[in-house]
């Protein structure tokens, strides 16, 4: 996530901050409504990040929400599956 923010900031001043703001908004949505994401695998959900080609992959556990990946959706979007 921070590498992507650095990339965007290098490309255009302020864009990295916009990316992090959009990430924070997506994470807050997940925290408030854990079922908001689309189920993409058995129990795993993905929420898209506004304006950027990223998705947050997570699973809802009984006592927490576990973020598995912040995945670039145009570059190996399923790389996180090796983490299960």
Protein backbone atom coordinates (compact mmCIF):
# COMPACT_ATOMS: atom_id res chain seq x y z
CA UNK A 1 0.00 0.00 0.00
CA UNK A 2 2.77 2.42 0.92
CA UNK A 3 4.79 1.48 -2.17
CA UNK A 4 1.76 2.29 -4.32
CA UNK A 5 1.26 5.61 -2.50
CA UNK A 6 4.92 6.48 -3.14
CA UNK A 7 4.56 5.55 -6.81
CA UNK A 8 1.48 7.77 -7.21
CA UNK A 9 3.10 10.65 -5.29
CA UNK A 10 6.17 10.45 -7.54
CA UNK A 11 3.96 10.51 -10.63
CA UNK A 12 1.90 13.49 -9.45
CA UNK A 13 2.27 15.48 -6.23
CA UNK A 14 -0.76 14.91 -4.01
CA UNK A 15 -1.88 11.75 -5.78
CA UNK A 16 -0.21 9.54 -3.17
CA UNK A 17 -2.21 11.27 -0.44
CA UNK A 18 -5.38 10.81 -2.50
CA UNK A 19 -4.60 7.09 -2.76
CA UNK A 20 -4.10 6.77 1.00
CA UNK A 21 -7.31 8.72 1.64
CA UNK A 22 -9.23 6.36 -0.65
CA UNK A 23 -7.63 3.36 1.10
CA UNK A 24 -8.68 4.74 4.48
CA UNK A 25 -12.25 5.26 3.24
CA UNK A 26 -12.39 1.67 1.93
CA UNK A 27 -11.03 0.30 5.22
CA UNK A 28 -13.52 2.35 7.22
CA UNK A 29 -16.34 0.95 5.07
CA UNK A 30 -15.11 -2.58 5.75
CA UNK A 31 -14.92 -1.86 9.48
CA UNK A 32 -18.43 -0.42 9.55
CA UNK A 33 -20.03 -2.96 7.20
CA UNK A 34 -17.84 -6.11 7.04
CA UNK A 35 -20.16 -7.79 4.53
CA UNK A 36 -19.86 -4.87 2.07
CA UNK A 37 -17.22 -6.58 -0.07
CA UNK A 38 -17.97 -9.00 -2.85
CA UNK A 39 -17.22 -12.62 -1.96
CA UNK A 40 -14.43 -13.72 -4.30
CA UNK A 41 -13.44 -17.04 -2.71
CA UNK A 42 -14.65 -19.20 0.15
CA UNK A 43 -15.11 -16.62 2.90
CA UNK A 44 -12.81 -14.05 1.29
CA UNK A 45 -14.18 -10.69 0.26
CA UNK A 46 -12.86 -7.82 -1.82
CA UNK A 47 -13.71 -4.16 -1.63
CA UNK A 48 -12.62 -1.93 -4.49
CA UNK A 49 -10.72 1.29 -3.86
CA UNK A 50 -12.32 4.33 -5.44
CA UNK A 51 -10.35 5.91 -8.33
CA UNK A 52 -7.48 3.42 -8.20
CA UNK A 53 -7.09 -0.12 -9.61
CA UNK A 54 -6.75 -1.72 -6.19
CA UNK A 55 -8.86 -4.00 -4.06
CA UNK A 56 -8.64 -4.86 -0.38
CA UNK A 57 -8.95 -8.61 0.15
CA UNK A 58 -10.10 -9.63 3.61
CA UNK A 59 -11.86 -12.26 5.64
CA UNK A 60 -14.30 -11.66 8.49
CA UNK A 61 -13.28 -13.65 11.57
CA UNK A 62 -15.44 -13.94 14.72
CA UNK A 63 -13.35 -11.38 16.62
CA UNK A 64 -11.59 -9.40 13.86
CA UNK A 65 -11.33 -8.54 10.20
CA UNK A 66 -8.13 -9.87 8.65
CA UNK A 67 -6.78 -8.00 5.64
CA UNK A 68 -5.01 -10.53 3.45
CA UNK A 69 -3.86 -8.23 0.66
CA UNK A 70 -4.02 -4.85 -0.97
CA UNK A 71 -4.06 -6.15 -4.53
CA UNK A 72 -3.41 -4.28 -7.76
CA UNK A 73 -6.26 -5.50 -9.94
CA UNK A 74 -4.39 -5.24 -13.23
CA UNK A 75 -1.21 -7.01 -12.08
CA UNK A 76 -1.57 -10.54 -10.75
CA UNK A 77 -4.76 -9.82 -8.80
CA UNK A 78 -4.83 -13.36 -7.39
CA UNK A 79 -1.30 -13.37 -5.93
CA UNK A 80 -2.75 -13.32 -2.43
CA UNK A 81 -4.16 -16.84 -2.82
CA UNK A 82 -0.73 -18.22 -1.96
CA UNK A 83 -1.12 -16.65 1.49
CA UNK A 84 -4.04 -18.86 2.54
